[in-house]
Amino acid sequence: MLKIQPRKLIDLIKRPILTDKSTRMLEENQYCFSVAKSAKKSEIKQAIEYIFEVKVIKVNTLNPPLKKRTVGRFKGHKPQFKKAIIQLKPEDKIDLFPES
């Protein structure tokens, strides 16, 4: 298994993705994160285990399609990102909504 510096591991995970579907997935102990475009599954697994101190069972990744946007006469694209769906062991949990 690759050993990556802790600083680079923290930079791989950008933010949690909170949508209706991702909050339903929390019941199945699955979490969605936006990750760096160049991140590999093994690196994502190491980063989640290092940051949150949990045990990861499975990592699924996907690249959502590029979406076009028009603002007035200007045409462009929404920013690209990579999405990772993480499944944890049943006894582990990530607290996305801390009390205070």
PDB file of N, CA and C in Angstrom:
ATOM      1  N   MET A   1       0.841  -1.183   0.000  1.00  0.00           N
ATOM      2  CA  MET A   1       0.000   0.000   0.000  1.00  0.00           C
ATOM      3  C   MET A   1       0.883   1.242   0.000  1.00  0.00           C
ATOM      4  N   LEU A   2       0.465   2.244  -0.738  1.00  0.00           N
ATOM      5  CA  LEU A   2       1.233   3.477  -0.815  1.00  0.00           C
ATOM      6  C   LEU A   2       1.205   4.222   0.513  1.00  0.00           C
ATOM      7  N   LYS A   3       2.305   4.837   0.841  1.00  0.00           N
ATOM      8  CA  LYS A   3       2.365   5.666   2.052  1.00  0.00           C
ATOM      9  C   LYS A   3       2.518   7.111   1.600  1.00  0.00           C
ATOM     10  N   ILE A   4       1.500   7.928   1.866  1.00  0.00           N
ATOM     11  CA  ILE A   4       1.481   9.315   1.420  1.00  0.00           C
ATOM     12  C   ILE A   4       1.645  10.220   2.631  1.00  0.00           C
ATOM     13  N   GLN A   5       2.266  11.379   2.432  1.00  0.00           N
ATOM     14  CA  GLN A   5       2.456  12.333   3.516  1.00  0.00           C
ATOM     15  C   GLN A   5       1.100  12.817   4.027  1.00  0.00           C
ATOM     16  N   PRO A   6       0.967  13.015   5.357  1.00  0.00           N
ATOM     17  CA  PRO A   6      -0.310  13.455   5.930  1.00  0.00           C
ATOM     18  C   PRO A   6      -0.838  14.756   5.331  1.00  0.00           C
ATOM     19  N   ARG A   7       0.038  15.686   4.981  1.00  0.00           N
ATOM     20  CA  ARG A   7      -0.394  16.964   4.404  1.00  0.00           C
ATOM     21  C   ARG A   7      -1.108  16.751   3.073  1.00  0.00           C
ATOM     22  N   LYS A   8      -0.583  15.830   2.251  1.00  0.00           N
ATOM     23  CA  LYS A   8      -1.202  15.549   0.960  1.00  0.00           C
ATOM     24  C   LYS A   8      -2.528  14.811   1.127  1.00  0.00           C
ATOM     25  N   LEU A   9      -2.631  13.972   2.157  1.00  0.00           N
ATOM     26  CA  LEU A   9      -3.883  13.255   2.418  1.00  0.00           C
ATOM     27  C   LEU A   9      -5.006  14.230   2.746  1.00  0.00           C
ATOM     28  N   ILE A  10      -4.698  15.248   3.550  1.00  0.00           N
ATOM     29  CA  ILE A  10      -5.712  16.222   3.943  1.00  0.00           C
ATOM     30  C   ILE A  10      -6.167  17.029   2.725  1.00  0.00           C
ATOM     31  N   ASP A  11      -5.256  17.311   1.786  1.00  0.00           N
ATOM     32  CA  ASP A  11      -5.601  18.097   0.607  1.00  0.00           C
ATOM     33  C   ASP A  11      -6.464  17.318  -0.392  1.00  0.00           C
ATOM     34  N   LEU A  12      -6.472  15.974  -0.318  1.00  0.00           N
ATOM     35  CA  LEU A  12      -7.265  15.175  -1.254  1.00  0.00           C
ATOM     36  C   LEU A  12      -8.762  15.355  -1.029  1.00  0.00           C
ATOM     37  N   ILE A  13      -9.193  15.416   0.240  1.00  0.00           N
ATOM     38  CA  ILE A  13     -10.614  15.531   0.576  1.00  0.00           C
ATOM     39  C   ILE A  13     -10.972  17.010   0.655  1.00  0.00           C
ATOM     40  N   LYS A  14     -11.927  17.442  -0.187  1.00  0.00           N
ATOM     41  CA  LYS A  14     -12.270  18.862  -0.221  1.00  0.00           C
ATOM     42  C   LYS A  14     -13.413  19.208   0.719  1.00  0.00           C
ATOM     43  N   ARG A  15     -14.568  18.532   0.559  1.00  0.00           N
ATOM     44  CA  ARG A  15     -15.734  18.853   1.395  1.00  0.00           C
ATOM     45  C   ARG A  15     -16.736  17.707   1.308  1.00  0.00           C
ATOM     46  N   PRO A  16     -17.597  17.570   2.326  1.00  0.00           N
ATOM     47  CA  PRO A  16     -18.681  16.584   2.214  1.00  0.00           C
ATOM     48  C   PRO A  16     -19.764  17.112   1.273  1.00  0.00           C
ATOM     49  N   ILE A  17     -20.430  16.207   0.595  1.00  0.00           N
ATOM     50  CA  ILE A  17     -21.541  16.577  -0.284  1.00  0.00           C
ATOM     51  C   ILE A  17     -22.829  16.252   0.455  1.00  0.00           C
ATOM     52  N   LEU A  18     -23.640  17.274   0.719  1.00  0.00           N
ATOM     53  CA  LEU A  18     -24.876  17.096   1.463  1.00  0.00           C
ATOM     54  C   LEU A  18     -26.068  17.374   0.552  1.00  0.00           C
ATOM     55  N   THR A  19     -26.711  16.312   0.098  1.00  0.00           N
ATOM     56  CA  THR A  19     -27.915  16.398  -0.708  1.00  0.00           C
ATOM     57  C   THR A  19     -28.957  15.479  -0.089  1.00  0.00           C
ATOM     58  N   ASP A  20     -30.147  15.447  -0.665  1.00  0.00           N
ATOM     59  CA  ASP A  20     -31.184  14.550  -0.165  1.00  0.00           C
ATOM     60  C   ASP A  20     -30.730  13.094  -0.239  1.00  0.00           C
ATOM     61  N   LYS A  21     -30.150  12.724  -1.362  1.00  0.00           N
ATOM     62  CA  LYS A  21     -29.711  11.344  -1.548  1.00  0.00           C
ATOM     63  C   LYS A  21     -28.568  10.997  -0.595  1.00  0.00           C
ATOM     64  N   SER A  22     -27.614  11.910  -0.425  1.00  0.00           N
ATOM     65  CA  SER A  22     -26.467  11.605   0.441  1.00  0.00           C
ATOM     66  C   SER A  22     -26.884  11.521   1.911  1.00  0.00           C
ATOM     67  N   THR A  23     -27.903  12.283   2.334  1.00  0.00           N
ATOM     68  CA  THR A  23     -28.364  12.164   3.717  1.00  0.00           C
ATOM     69  C   THR A  23     -29.114  10.855   3.927  1.00  0.00           C
ATOM     70  N   ARG A  24     -29.791  10.343   2.889  1.00  0.00           N
ATOM     71  CA  ARG A  24     -30.412   9.012   2.994  1.00  0.00           C
ATOM     72  C   ARG A  24     -29.343   7.926   3.065  1.00  0.00           C
ATOM     73  N   MET A  25     -28.222   8.139   2.404  1.00  0.00           N
ATOM     74  CA  MET A  25     -27.140   7.155   2.414  1.00  0.00           C
ATOM     75  C   MET A  25     -26.464   7.066   3.780  1.00  0.00           C
ATOM     76  N   LEU A  26     -26.602   8.105   4.621  1.00  0.00           N
ATOM     77  CA  LEU A  26     -26.015   8.078   5.960  1.00  0.00           C
ATOM     78  C   LEU A  26     -26.589   6.937   6.790  1.00  0.00           C
ATOM     79  N   GLU A  27     -27.844   6.558   6.535  1.00  0.00           N
ATOM     80  CA  GLU A  27     -28.469   5.447   7.259  1.00  0.00           C
ATOM     81  C   GLU A  27     -27.786   4.122   6.949  1.00  0.00           C
ATOM     82  N   GLU A  28     -27.200   4.007   5.770  1.00  0.00           N
ATOM     83  CA  GLU A  28     -26.490   2.792   5.360  1.00  0.00           C
ATOM     84  C   GLU A  28     -24.993   2.891   5.649  1.00  0.00           C
ATOM     85  N   ASN A  29     -24.591   3.902   6.427  1.00  0.00           N
ATOM     86  CA  ASN A  29     -23.194   4.129   6.800  1.00  0.00           C
ATOM     87  C   ASN A  29     -22.318   4.431   5.578  1.00  0.00           C
ATOM     88  N   GLN A  30     -22.884   5.207   4.622  1.00  0.00           N
ATOM     89  CA  GLN A  30     -22.150   5.643   3.446  1.00  0.00           C
ATOM     90  C   GLN A  30     -22.093   7.169   3.448  1.00  0.00           C
ATOM     91  N   TYR A  31     -20.951   7.719   3.038  1.00  0.00           N
ATOM     92  CA  TYR A  31     -20.730   9.162   3.065  1.00  0.00           C
ATOM     93  C   TYR A  31     -20.223   9.615   1.712  1.00  0.00           C
ATOM     94  N   CYS A  32     -20.646  10.824   1.280  1.00  0.00           N
ATOM     95  CA  CYS A  32     -20.230  11.399   0.001  1.00  0.00           C
ATOM     96  C   CYS A  32     -19.263  12.551   0.246  1.00  0.00           C
ATOM     97  N   PHE A  33     -18.175  12.579  -0.516  1.00  0.00           N
ATOM     98  CA  PHE A  33     -17.198  13.651  -0.413  1.00  0.00           C
ATOM     99  C   PHE A  33     -16.796  14.110  -1.803  1.00  0.00           C
ATOM    100  N   SER A  34     -16.506  15.392  -1.927  1.00  0.00           N
ATOM    101  CA  SER A  34     -15.881  15.931  -3.121  1.00  0.00           C
ATOM    102  C   SER A  34     -14.379  15.797  -2.908  1.00  0.00           C
ATOM    103  N   VAL A  35     -13.690  15.197  -3.876  1.00  0.00           N
ATOM    104  CA  VAL A  35     -12.258  14.929  -3.720  1.00  0.00           C
ATOM    105  C   VAL A  35     -11.495  15.541  -4.891  1.00  0.00           C
ATOM    106  N   ALA A  36     -10.180  15.559  -4.769  1.00  0.00           N
ATOM    107  CA  ALA A  36      -9.320  16.080  -5.832  1.00  0.00           C
ATOM    108  C   ALA A  36      -9.501  15.247  -7.095  1.00  0.00           C
ATOM    109  N   LYS A  37      -9.439  15.901  -8.243  1.00  0.00           N
ATOM    110  CA  LYS A  37      -9.666  15.247  -9.530  1.00  0.00           C
ATOM    111  C   LYS A  37      -8.651  14.116  -9.788  1.00  0.00           C
ATOM    112  N   SER A  38      -7.447  14.258  -9.248  1.00  0.00           N
ATOM    113  CA  SER A  38      -6.389  13.278  -9.508  1.00  0.00           C
ATOM    114  C   SER A  38      -6.331  12.164  -8.467  1.00  0.00           C
ATOM    115  N   ALA A  39      -7.243  12.160  -7.479  1.00  0.00           N
ATOM    116  CA  ALA A  39      -7.188  11.188  -6.382  1.00  0.00           C
ATOM    117  C   ALA A  39      -7.570   9.791  -6.846  1.00  0.00           C
ATOM    118  N   LYS A  40      -6.830   8.795  -6.357  1.00  0.00           N
ATOM    119  CA  LYS A  40      -7.123   7.396  -6.639  1.00  0.00           C
ATOM    120  C   LYS A  40      -7.882   6.809  -5.452  1.00  0.00           C
ATOM    121  N   LYS A  41      -8.542   5.665  -5.669  1.00  0.00           N
ATOM    122  CA  LYS A  41      -9.355   5.050  -4.614  1.00  0.00           C
ATOM    123  C   LYS A  41      -8.525   4.709  -3.379  1.00  0.00           C
ATOM    124  N   SER A  42      -7.324   4.183  -3.581  1.00  0.00           N
ATOM    125  CA  SER A  42      -6.484   3.811  -2.439  1.00  0.00           C
ATOM    126  C   SER A  42      -6.056   5.047  -1.647  1.00  0.00           C
ATOM    127  N   GLU A  43      -5.791   6.154  -2.349  1.00  0.00           N
ATOM    128  CA  GLU A  43      -5.416   7.395  -1.670  1.00  0.00           C
ATOM    129  C   GLU A  43      -6.602   7.981  -0.902  1.00  0.00           C
ATOM    130  N   ILE A  44      -7.798   7.897  -1.484  1.00  0.00           N
ATOM    131  CA  ILE A  44      -8.993   8.397  -0.805  1.00  0.00           C
ATOM    132  C   ILE A  44      -9.243   7.592   0.464  1.00  0.00           C
ATOM    133  N   LYS A  45      -9.078   6.279   0.385  1.00  0.00           N
ATOM    134  CA  LYS A  45      -9.271   5.408   1.551  1.00  0.00           C
ATOM    135  C   LYS A  45      -8.296   5.788   2.668  1.00  0.00           C
ATOM    136  N   GLN A  46      -7.029   5.972   2.324  1.00  0.00           N
ATOM    137  CA  GLN A  46      -6.024   6.373   3.321  1.00  0.00           C
ATOM    138  C   GLN A  46      -6.369   7.716   3.941  1.00  0.00           C
ATOM    139  N   ALA A  47      -6.820   8.661   3.116  1.00  0.00           N
ATOM    140  CA  ALA A  47      -7.132  10.009   3.607  1.00  0.00           C
ATOM    141  C   ALA A  47      -8.298   9.971   4.591  1.00  0.00           C
ATOM    142  N   ILE A  48      -9.370   9.256   4.259  1.00  0.00           N
ATOM    143  CA  ILE A  48     -10.537   9.176   5.146  1.00  0.00           C
ATOM    144  C   ILE A  48     -10.155   8.490   6.456  1.00  0.00           C
ATOM    145  N   GLU A  49      -9.391   7.411   6.375  1.00  0.00           N
ATOM    146  CA  GLU A  49      -8.983   6.701   7.596  1.00  0.00           C
ATOM    147  C   GLU A  49      -8.066   7.570   8.456  1.00  0.00           C
ATOM    148  N   TYR A  50      -7.217   8.388   7.846  1.00  0.00           N
ATOM    149  CA  TYR A  50      -6.308   9.254   8.593  1.00  0.00           C
ATOM    150  C   TYR A  50      -7.054  10.428   9.227  1.00  0.00           C
ATOM    151  N   ILE A  51      -7.929  11.082   8.458  1.00  0.00           N
ATOM    152  CA  ILE A  51      -8.599  12.297   8.940  1.00  0.00           C
ATOM    153  C   ILE A  51      -9.638  11.984  10.014  1.00  0.00           C
ATOM    154  N   PHE A  52     -10.488  10.980   9.763  1.00  0.00           N
ATOM    155  CA  PHE A  52     -11.616  10.717  10.656  1.00  0.00           C
ATOM    156  C   PHE A  52     -11.391   9.554  11.617  1.00  0.00           C
ATOM    157  N   GLU A  53     -10.264   8.843  11.491  1.00  0.00           N
ATOM    158  CA  GLU A  53      -9.919   7.707  12.355  1.00  0.00           C
ATOM    159  C   GLU A  53     -11.018   6.650  12.355  1.00  0.00           C
ATOM    160  N   VAL A  54     -11.411   6.210  11.154  1.00  0.00           N
ATOM    161  CA  VAL A  54     -12.415   5.170  10.968  1.00  0.00           C
ATOM    162  C   VAL A  54     -11.839   4.104  10.038  1.00  0.00           C
ATOM    163  N   LYS A  55     -12.547   2.989   9.872  1.00  0.00           N
ATOM    164  CA  LYS A  55     -12.118   1.921   8.979  1.00  0.00           C
ATOM    165  C   LYS A  55     -13.038   1.893   7.760  1.00  0.00           C
ATOM    166  N   VAL A  56     -12.464   2.049   6.564  1.00  0.00           N
ATOM    167  CA  VAL A  56     -13.217   2.101   5.319  1.00  0.00           C
ATOM    168  C   VAL A  56     -13.311   0.698   4.721  1.00  0.00           C
ATOM    169  N   ILE A  57     -14.534   0.311   4.327  1.00  0.00           N
ATOM    170  CA  ILE A  57     -14.745  -0.981   3.669  1.00  0.00           C
ATOM    171  C   ILE A  57     -14.597  -0.841   2.160  1.00  0.00           C
ATOM    172  N   LYS A  58     -15.275   0.188   1.594  1.00  0.00           N
ATOM    173  CA  LYS A  58     -15.341   0.302   0.142  1.00  0.00           C
ATOM    174  C   LYS A  58     -15.331   1.771  -0.280  1.00  0.00           C
ATOM    175  N   VAL A  59     -14.728   2.046  -1.441  1.00  0.00           N
ATOM    176  CA  VAL A  59     -14.705   3.392  -2.021  1.00  0.00           C
ATOM    177  C   VAL A  59     -15.190   3.313  -3.465  1.00  0.00           C
ATOM    178  N   ASN A  60     -16.219   4.084  -3.787  1.00  0.00           N
ATOM    179  CA  ASN A  60     -16.693   4.212  -5.168  1.00  0.00           C
ATOM    180  C   ASN A  60     -16.456   5.650  -5.603  1.00  0.00           C
ATOM    181  N   THR A  61     -15.973   5.833  -6.826  1.00  0.00           N
ATOM    182  CA  THR A  61     -15.729   7.183  -7.333  1.00  0.00           C
ATOM    183  C   THR A  61     -16.491   7.386  -8.631  1.00  0.00           C
ATOM    184  N   LEU A  62     -16.829   8.643  -8.923  1.00  0.00           N
ATOM    185  CA  LEU A  62     -17.461   8.973 -10.184  1.00  0.00           C
ATOM    186  C   LEU A  62     -17.151  10.412 -10.551  1.00  0.00           C
ATOM    187  N   ASN A  63     -17.115  10.670 -11.853  1.00  0.00           N
ATOM    188  CA  ASN A  63     -16.915  12.013 -12.384  1.00  0.00           C
ATOM    189  C   ASN A  63     -18.226  12.444 -13.024  1.00  0.00           C
ATOM    190  N   PRO A  64     -18.990  13.339 -12.384  1.00  0.00           N
ATOM    191  CA  PRO A  64     -20.249  13.797 -12.991  1.00  0.00           C
ATOM    192  C   PRO A  64     -19.977  14.485 -14.331  1.00  0.00           C
ATOM    193  N   PRO A  65     -20.954  14.426 -15.272  1.00  0.00           N
ATOM    194  CA  PRO A  65     -20.727  15.023 -16.589  1.00  0.00           C
ATOM    195  C   PRO A  65     -20.593  16.540 -16.526  1.00  0.00           C
ATOM    196  N   LEU A  66     -19.900  17.092 -17.511  1.00  0.00           N
ATOM    197  CA  LEU A  66     -19.698  18.531 -17.626  1.00  0.00           C
ATOM    198  C   LEU A  66     -21.025  19.197 -17.985  1.00  0.00           C
ATOM    199  N   LYS A  67     -21.409  20.255 -17.257  1.00  0.00           N
ATOM    200  CA  LYS A  67     -22.678  20.943 -17.505  1.00  0.00           C
ATOM    201  C   LYS A  67     -22.413  22.332 -18.076  1.00  0.00           C
ATOM    202  N   LYS A  68     -23.142  22.680 -19.133  1.00  0.00           N
ATOM    203  CA  LYS A  68     -22.990  23.988 -19.772  1.00  0.00           C
ATOM    204  C   LYS A  68     -23.880  25.000 -19.066  1.00  0.00           C
ATOM    205  N   ARG A  69     -23.403  26.225 -18.966  1.00  0.00           N
ATOM    206  CA  ARG A  69     -24.169  27.312 -18.374  1.00  0.00           C
ATOM    207  C   ARG A  69     -24.042  28.549 -19.251  1.00  0.00           C
ATOM    208  N   THR A  70     -25.142  29.315 -19.366  1.00  0.00           N
ATOM    209  CA  THR A  70     -25.137  30.562 -20.113  1.00  0.00           C
ATOM    210  C   THR A  70     -25.581  31.671 -19.185  1.00  0.00           C
ATOM    211  N   VAL A  71     -24.788  32.730 -19.104  1.00  0.00           N
ATOM    212  CA  VAL A  71     -25.140  33.908 -18.330  1.00  0.00           C
ATOM    213  C   VAL A  71     -25.124  35.080 -19.302  1.00  0.00           C
ATOM    214  N   GLY A  72     -26.319  35.556 -19.679  1.00  0.00           N
ATOM    215  CA  GLY A  72     -26.391  36.611 -20.692  1.00  0.00           C
ATOM    216  C   GLY A  72     -25.886  36.088 -22.015  1.00  0.00           C
ATOM    217  N   ARG A  73     -24.891  36.753 -22.560  1.00  0.00           N
ATOM    218  CA  ARG A  73     -24.329  36.299 -23.842  1.00  0.00           C
ATOM    219  C   ARG A  73     -23.088  35.423 -23.657  1.00  0.00           C
ATOM    220  N   PHE A  74     -22.693  35.194 -22.412  1.00  0.00           N
ATOM    221  CA  PHE A  74     -21.482  34.420 -22.131  1.00  0.00           C
ATOM    222  C   PHE A  74     -21.827  32.958 -21.905  1.00  0.00           C
ATOM    223  N   LYS A  75     -21.068  32.082 -22.539  1.00  0.00           N
ATOM    224  CA  LYS A  75     -21.275  30.645 -22.383  1.00  0.00           C
ATOM    225  C   LYS A  75     -20.071  30.054 -21.664  1.00  0.00           C
ATOM    226  N   GLY A  76     -20.330  29.072 -20.830  1.00  0.00           N
ATOM    227  CA  GLY A  76     -19.238  28.435 -20.102  1.00  0.00           C
ATOM    228  C   GLY A  76     -19.680  27.107 -19.522  1.00  0.00           C
ATOM    229  N   HIS A  77     -18.904  26.626 -18.562  1.00  0.00           N
ATOM    230  CA  HIS A  77     -19.175  25.334 -17.935  1.00  0.00           C
ATOM    231  C   HIS A  77     -19.120  25.477 -16.421  1.00  0.00           C
ATOM    232  N   LYS A  78     -19.878  24.607 -15.743  1.00  0.00           N
ATOM    233  CA  LYS A  78     -19.774  24.546 -14.291  1.00  0.00           C
ATOM    234  C   LYS A  78     -18.450  23.872 -13.944  1.00  0.00           C
ATOM    235  N   PRO A  79     -17.883  24.171 -12.775  1.00  0.00           N
ATOM    236  CA  PRO A  79     -16.608  23.550 -12.403  1.00  0.00           C
ATOM    237  C   PRO A  79     -16.718  22.026 -12.276  1.00  0.00           C
ATOM    238  N   GLN A  80     -15.692  21.321 -12.734  1.00  0.00           N
ATOM    239  CA  GLN A  80     -15.637  19.874 -12.631  1.00  0.00           C
ATOM    240  C   GLN A  80     -15.175  19.462 -11.237  1.00  0.00           C
ATOM    241  N   PHE A  81     -15.679  18.334 -10.746  1.00  0.00           N
ATOM    242  CA  PHE A  81     -15.215  17.771  -9.489  1.00  0.00           C
ATOM    243  C   PHE A  81     -15.367  16.260  -9.547  1.00  0.00           C
ATOM    244  N   LYS A  82     -14.703  15.579  -8.644  1.00  0.00           N
ATOM    245  CA  LYS A  82     -14.790  14.131  -8.543  1.00  0.00           C
ATOM    246  C   LYS A  82     -15.514  13.810  -7.250  1.00  0.00           C
ATOM    247  N   LYS A  83     -16.410  12.849  -7.297  1.00  0.00           N
ATOM    248  CA  LYS A  83     -17.231  12.490  -6.145  1.00  0.00           C
ATOM    249  C   LYS A  83     -16.817  11.104  -5.658  1.00  0.00           C
ATOM    250  N   ALA A  84     -16.672  10.958  -4.344  1.00  0.00           N
ATOM    251  CA  ALA A  84     -16.318   9.667  -3.753  1.00  0.00           C
ATOM    252  C   ALA A  84     -17.398   9.276  -2.762  1.00  0.00           C
ATOM    253  N   ILE A  85     -17.868   8.024  -2.883  1.00  0.00           N
ATOM    254  CA  ILE A  85     -18.840   7.476  -1.941  1.00  0.00           C
ATOM    255  C   ILE A  85     -18.092   6.447  -1.093  1.00  0.00           C
ATOM    256  N   ILE A  86     -18.066   6.699   0.224  1.00  0.00           N
ATOM    257  CA  ILE A  86     -17.284   5.897   1.162  1.00  0.00           C
ATOM    258  C   ILE A  86     -18.227   5.052   2.004  1.00  0.00           C
ATOM    259  N   GLN A  87     -17.948   3.757   2.118  1.00  0.00           N
ATOM    260  CA  GLN A  87     -18.716   2.898   3.018  1.00  0.00           C
ATOM    261  C   GLN A  87     -17.818   2.494   4.179  1.00  0.00           C
ATOM    262  N   LEU A  88     -18.321   2.706   5.403  1.00  0.00           N
ATOM    263  CA  LEU A  88     -17.557   2.417   6.606  1.00  0.00           C
ATOM    264  C   LEU A  88     -18.024   1.121   7.253  1.00  0.00           C
ATOM    265  N   LYS A  89     -17.195   0.602   8.173  1.00  0.00           N
ATOM    266  CA  LYS A  89     -17.605  -0.544   8.967  1.00  0.00           C
ATOM    267  C   LYS A  89     -18.814  -0.153   9.813  1.00  0.00           C
ATOM    268  N   PRO A  90     -19.681  -1.108  10.165  1.00  0.00           N
ATOM    269  CA  PRO A  90     -20.904  -0.773  10.918  1.00  0.00           C
ATOM    270  C   PRO A  90     -20.659  -0.083  12.260  1.00  0.00           C
ATOM    271  N   GLU A  91     -19.543  -0.376  12.921  1.00  0.00           N
ATOM    272  CA  GLU A  91     -19.285   0.236  14.234  1.00  0.00           C
ATOM    273  C   GLU A  91     -18.684   1.637  14.135  1.00  0.00           C
ATOM    274  N   ASP A  92     -18.233   2.054  12.930  1.00  0.00           N
ATOM    275  CA  ASP A  92     -17.634   3.374  12.759  1.00  0.00           C
ATOM    276  C   ASP A  92     -18.668   4.384  12.277  1.00  0.00           C
ATOM    277  N   LYS A  93     -18.388   5.661  12.561  1.00  0.00           N
ATOM    278  CA  LYS A  93     -19.301   6.738  12.175  1.00  0.00           C
ATOM    279  C   LYS A  93     -18.506   8.033  12.029  1.00  0.00           C
ATOM    280  N   ILE A  94     -18.887   8.868  11.053  1.00  0.00           N
ATOM    281  CA  ILE A  94     -18.305  10.191  10.876  1.00  0.00           C
ATOM    282  C   ILE A  94     -19.362  11.202  11.289  1.00  0.00           C
ATOM    283  N   ASP A  95     -18.992  12.121  12.174  1.00  0.00           N
ATOM    284  CA  ASP A  95     -19.937  13.120  12.682  1.00  0.00           C
ATOM    285  C   ASP A  95     -19.874  14.355  11.782  1.00  0.00           C
ATOM    286  N   LEU A  96     -20.789  14.444  10.790  1.00  0.00           N
ATOM    287  CA  LEU A  96     -20.809  15.589   9.880  1.00  0.00           C
ATOM    288  C   LEU A  96     -21.527  16.790  10.481  1.00  0.00           C
ATOM    289  N   PHE A  97     -22.386  16.550  11.470  1.00  0.00           N
ATOM    290  CA  PHE A  97     -23.156  17.622  12.100  1.00  0.00           C
ATOM    291  C   PHE A  97     -22.825  17.683  13.580  1.00  0.00           C
ATOM    292  N   PRO A  98     -21.714  18.318  13.967  1.00  0.00           N
ATOM    293  CA  PRO A  98     -21.354  18.385  15.388  1.00  0.00           C
ATOM    294  C   PRO A  98     -22.356  19.248  16.182  1.00  0.00           C
ATOM    295  N   GLU A  99     -22.487  18.941  17.466  1.00  0.00           N
ATOM    296  CA  GLU A  99     -23.449  19.644  18.320  1.00  0.00           C
ATOM    297  C   GLU A  99     -23.123  21.122  18.434  1.00  0.00           C
ATOM    298  N   SER A 100     -21.841  21.450  18.677  1.00  0.00           N
ATOM    299  CA  SER A 100     -21.472  22.867  18.824  1.00  0.00           C
ATOM    300  C   SER A 100     -20.108  23.136  18.252  1.00  0.00           C
TER     301      SER A 100
END
